[in-house]
Amino acid sequence: MVRKASMDQSERLLREGMIDICLRMNREGINQGTSGNVSARWRDGMLITPSGIPYDALRPEDMVFVGPRGEHDAGQRPSSEWRFHLAILDSRPEIGAVVHTHSLHATALAICGMEIPALHYMIAAAGGPTIRCAPYATFGTEALSRNVVEALQDRSACLLANHGVVATGPGLERALWLAGEVETLAHQYILSLGLGGPRLLPDAEIDRVVRKMQHYGPR
């Protein structure tokens, strides 16, 4: 059991920021209801959105602290996807926040087990020439965590087969921004397939753009 400590100003601001990200996910049309979830690195573990509470009813106190071994206060229920959030943060020290959505077009590709190829230079925002699709595993399982971590190797976003999207960043703003970019790329890809298929950019060009975009976008 993790005992609750008094909340200082920096922790409260982080919890409030997580609520803002949740509300913006739905307002920006990249998530529906409470289907997505958000986490942020905090101390030796993470804060994550709770299970089953509508976003517009969230309070800072509802964010759940999950420790490095998955421990949390017995009176709180973290998101069912806490395992892959914790696994990402544990395996990638440069990542400070994770956003998971069920955005429409990206999820449609994930349902088909399709990755997003280099149809537009903005794919470089995810770190390489593809946004991979992690193999399917039941939500909330260790198997899904392993699949997500593997799909994110050298990347900051991936799709989850028959499920949705994961986007990461050094902070919440970057992770949310990237989730939106992934949805835009997915929409463009689906539209281009109906026009005969995209003309893909070569890996060398994406490598060049990755370097140019190191400081592009919110942090």
Protein backbone atom coordinates (compact mmCIF):
# COMPACT_ATOMS: atom_id res chain seq x y z
CA MET A 1 0.00 0.00 0.00
CA VAL A 2 1.22 3.50 -0.86
CA ARG A 3 0.36 6.00 1.84
CA LYS A 4 -0.83 9.42 0.70
CA ALA A 5 1.49 12.28 1.55
CA SER A 6 0.55 15.94 1.64
CA MET A 7 0.46 17.44 -1.86
CA ASP A 8 2.89 20.26 -2.57
CA GLN A 9 2.33 22.92 -5.22
CA SER A 10 4.40 21.22 -7.92
CA GLU A 11 2.48 17.97 -7.51
CA ARG A 12 -0.87 19.74 -7.57
CA LEU A 13 0.12 21.60 -10.74
CA LEU A 14 1.10 18.31 -12.39
CA ARG A 15 -2.17 16.65 -11.40
CA GLU A 16 -4.14 19.64 -12.68
CA GLY A 17 -2.14 19.52 -15.89
CA MET A 18 -3.07 15.88 -16.39
CA ILE A 19 -6.76 16.73 -16.06
CA ASP A 20 -6.34 19.52 -18.61
CA ILE A 21 -4.72 17.07 -21.06
CA CYS A 22 -7.61 14.61 -20.62
CA LEU A 23 -10.18 17.31 -21.33
CA ARG A 24 -8.24 18.51 -24.36
CA MET A 25 -7.96 14.96 -25.75
CA ASN A 26 -11.74 14.78 -26.00
CA ARG A 27 -12.18 18.42 -27.03
CA GLU A 28 -9.65 18.01 -29.86
CA GLY A 29 -11.42 14.90 -31.09
CA ILE A 30 -8.63 12.37 -30.52
CA ASN A 31 -10.42 10.43 -27.79
CA GLN A 32 -13.92 9.52 -26.69
CA GLY A 33 -15.37 9.36 -23.20
CA THR A 34 -12.96 7.81 -20.70
CA SER A 35 -11.37 5.38 -23.16
CA GLY A 36 -7.91 6.98 -23.07
CA ASN A 37 -5.51 7.56 -20.20
CA VAL A 38 -2.63 9.83 -19.24
CA SER A 39 0.42 9.39 -17.03
CA ALA A 40 3.35 11.53 -15.91
CA ARG A 41 6.59 10.62 -14.21
CA TRP A 42 6.57 11.58 -10.53
CA ARG A 43 9.28 10.85 -7.96
CA ASP A 44 10.20 7.16 -8.18
CA GLY A 45 6.97 6.17 -9.95
CA MET A 46 4.20 7.90 -11.85
CA LEU A 47 0.86 9.62 -11.56
CA ILE A 48 -1.86 8.15 -13.77
CA THR A 49 -5.51 8.86 -14.42
CA PRO A 50 -7.98 6.72 -12.46
CA SER A 51 -10.26 4.07 -13.90
CA GLY A 52 -13.86 4.88 -14.72
CA ILE A 53 -14.14 8.55 -13.69
CA PRO A 54 -15.48 10.92 -16.40
CA TYR A 55 -12.86 13.49 -17.32
CA ASP A 56 -15.07 16.45 -16.50
CA ALA A 57 -15.48 15.08 -12.96
CA LEU A 58 -11.78 14.55 -12.26
CA ARG A 59 -10.11 16.28 -9.32
CA PRO A 60 -6.38 16.53 -8.67
CA GLU A 61 -6.80 14.10 -5.77
CA ASP A 62 -8.15 11.45 -8.17
CA MET A 63 -4.82 11.00 -9.95
CA VAL A 64 -3.28 7.76 -8.70
CA PHE A 65 0.35 7.46 -7.65
CA VAL A 66 1.76 4.11 -8.79
CA GLY A 67 5.12 3.11 -7.37
CA PRO A 68 8.00 1.46 -9.25
CA ARG A 69 6.70 -2.07 -8.59
CA GLY A 70 3.09 -1.24 -9.42
CA GLU A 71 2.01 -0.54 -5.84
CA HIS A 72 -0.72 2.04 -5.21
CA ASP A 73 -3.12 3.16 -2.52
CA ALA A 74 -5.72 0.46 -1.90
CA GLY A 75 -8.50 3.03 -1.95
CA GLN A 76 -7.76 4.12 -5.53
CA ARG A 77 -8.08 2.38 -8.91
CA PRO A 78 -5.49 3.38 -11.50
CA SER A 79 -6.27 3.08 -15.19
CA SER A 80 -6.39 -0.53 -16.33
CA GLU A 81 -3.46 0.32 -18.65
CA TRP A 82 -1.09 1.33 -15.84
CA ARG A 83 1.24 -1.56 -16.68
CA PHE A 84 2.30 -0.30 -20.09
CA HIS A 85 2.55 3.28 -18.84
CA LEU A 86 4.91 2.15 -16.07
CA ALA A 87 6.86 -0.11 -18.44
CA ILE A 88 7.42 2.76 -20.88
CA LEU A 89 8.62 5.13 -18.18
CA ASP A 90 10.84 2.45 -16.67
CA SER A 91 12.48 1.56 -19.99
CA ARG A 92 12.84 5.11 -21.35
CA PRO A 93 14.26 7.59 -18.81
CA GLU A 94 13.98 10.47 -21.30
CA ILE A 95 10.19 10.10 -21.39
CA GLY A 96 8.23 12.08 -18.82
CA ALA A 97 4.64 11.59 -19.96
CA VAL A 98 2.47 9.10 -21.84
CA VAL A 99 -0.84 9.75 -23.60
CA HIS A 100 -3.04 6.86 -24.77
CA THR A 101 -6.00 7.55 -27.06
CA HIS A 102 -8.50 5.73 -29.24
CA SER A 103 -8.44 8.34 -32.01
CA LEU A 104 -10.60 7.39 -34.98
CA HIS A 105 -8.29 7.08 -37.98
CA ALA A 106 -5.21 5.83 -36.14
CA THR A 107 -7.33 3.19 -34.43
CA ALA A 108 -8.82 2.18 -37.78
CA LEU A 109 -5.30 1.43 -39.05
CA ALA A 110 -4.52 -0.39 -35.81
CA ILE A 111 -7.64 -2.52 -36.28
CA CYS A 112 -6.15 -3.62 -39.60
CA GLY A 113 -2.71 -4.19 -38.02
CA MET A 114 -1.20 -1.52 -40.30
CA GLU A 115 1.72 0.71 -39.47
CA ILE A 116 1.96 4.29 -40.76
CA PRO A 117 4.73 4.67 -43.38
CA ALA A 118 6.74 7.74 -44.39
CA LEU A 119 3.99 9.43 -46.41
CA HIS A 120 4.75 12.88 -44.93
CA TYR A 121 7.84 14.39 -43.34
CA MET A 122 5.93 14.96 -40.07
CA ILE A 123 6.28 11.26 -39.33
CA ALA A 124 9.76 12.25 -38.16
CA ALA A 125 8.09 13.71 -35.06
CA ALA A 126 7.67 10.12 -33.89
CA GLY A 127 11.38 9.42 -34.34
CA GLY A 128 11.70 7.46 -37.57
CA PRO A 129 10.28 6.47 -40.97
CA THR A 130 7.39 4.42 -39.59
CA ILE A 131 4.94 4.45 -36.73
CA ARG A 132 4.82 0.77 -35.85
CA CYS A 133 1.77 -1.23 -34.81
CA ALA A 134 2.32 -3.33 -31.69
CA PRO A 135 0.84 -6.85 -31.89
CA TYR A 136 -2.46 -7.37 -30.13
CA ALA A 137 -2.63 -8.45 -26.50
CA THR A 138 -5.47 -8.11 -23.98
CA PHE A 139 -5.65 -4.66 -22.40
CA GLY A 140 -3.97 -4.25 -19.03
CA THR A 141 -1.69 -7.28 -19.42
CA GLU A 142 2.06 -7.75 -19.14
CA ALA A 143 2.01 -9.09 -22.71
CA LEU A 144 0.64 -5.79 -23.98
CA SER A 145 3.29 -3.91 -22.00
CA ARG A 146 6.05 -5.94 -23.65
CA ASN A 147 4.57 -5.37 -27.11
CA VAL A 148 4.28 -1.62 -26.57
CA VAL A 149 7.84 -1.22 -25.28
CA GLU A 150 9.16 -3.15 -28.29
CA ALA A 151 7.11 -1.11 -30.80
CA LEU A 152 8.44 2.09 -29.21
CA GLN A 153 12.11 1.20 -29.70
CA ASP A 154 13.71 4.33 -31.23
CA ARG A 155 10.23 5.85 -31.52
CA SER A 156 8.03 8.12 -29.44
CA ALA A 157 4.66 6.84 -30.69
CA CYS A 158 3.09 3.60 -31.83
CA LEU A 159 -0.26 2.04 -32.66
CA LEU A 160 -1.74 -0.86 -30.68
CA ALA A 161 -3.38 -3.54 -32.83
CA ASN A 162 -7.19 -3.57 -32.46
CA HIS A 163 -6.89 -0.97 -29.73
CA GLY A 164 -5.50 2.55 -30.19
CA VAL A 165 -2.48 4.85 -29.97
CA VAL A 166 0.36 5.57 -27.55
CA ALA A 167 2.27 8.86 -27.73
CA THR A 168 5.06 9.94 -25.42
CA GLY A 169 7.15 12.99 -24.68
CA PRO A 170 9.37 14.67 -22.13
CA GLY A 171 6.22 16.37 -20.83
CA LEU A 172 2.45 16.27 -21.14
CA GLU A 173 2.18 18.96 -23.81
CA ARG A 174 4.56 17.15 -26.16
CA ALA A 175 2.82 13.81 -25.69
CA LEU A 176 -0.61 15.31 -26.43
CA TRP A 177 0.74 17.19 -29.46
CA LEU A 178 2.27 14.00 -30.84
CA ALA A 179 -0.96 12.05 -30.33
CA GLY A 180 -2.68 14.66 -32.48
CA GLU A 181 0.02 14.45 -35.14
CA VAL A 182 -0.31 10.65 -35.27
CA GLU A 183 -4.05 10.99 -35.83
CA THR A 184 -3.48 13.50 -38.65
CA LEU A 185 -0.94 11.21 -40.32
CA ALA A 186 -3.32 8.27 -40.02
CA HIS A 187 -6.14 10.28 -41.62
CA GLN A 188 -3.85 11.39 -44.46
CA TYR A 189 -2.71 7.81 -45.00
CA ILE A 190 -6.25 6.48 -45.24
CA LEU A 191 -7.20 9.24 -47.70
CA SER A 192 -4.10 8.62 -49.81
CA LEU A 193 -4.85 4.90 -50.04
CA GLY A 194 -8.10 5.80 -51.78
CA LEU A 195 -6.14 7.83 -54.35
CA GLY A 196 -3.85 5.00 -55.38
CA GLY A 197 -1.50 4.97 -52.40
CA PRO A 198 1.08 7.46 -51.08
CA ARG A 199 4.47 8.25 -52.56
CA LEU A 200 6.75 7.48 -49.64
CA LEU A 201 9.77 9.51 -48.60
CA PRO A 202 13.12 7.66 -48.40
CA ASP A 203 14.62 6.74 -45.03
CA ALA A 204 17.55 9.12 -45.60
CA GLU A 205 15.17 12.07 -45.87
CA ILE A 206 13.32 11.09 -42.71
CA ASP A 207 16.65 10.76 -40.87
CA ARG A 208 17.49 14.28 -42.02
CA VAL A 209 14.13 15.63 -40.83
CA VAL A 210 14.42 13.82 -37.48
CA ARG A 211 17.62 15.76 -36.83
CA LYS A 212 16.04 19.05 -37.94
CA MET A 213 13.00 18.47 -35.70
CA GLN A 214 14.86 17.79 -32.46
CA HIS A 215 13.61 21.06 -30.98
CA TYR A 216 10.35 21.34 -32.95
CA GLY A 217 6.98 21.42 -31.22
CA PRO A 218 6.04 21.73 -27.55
CA ARG A 219 8.14 20.11 -24.83
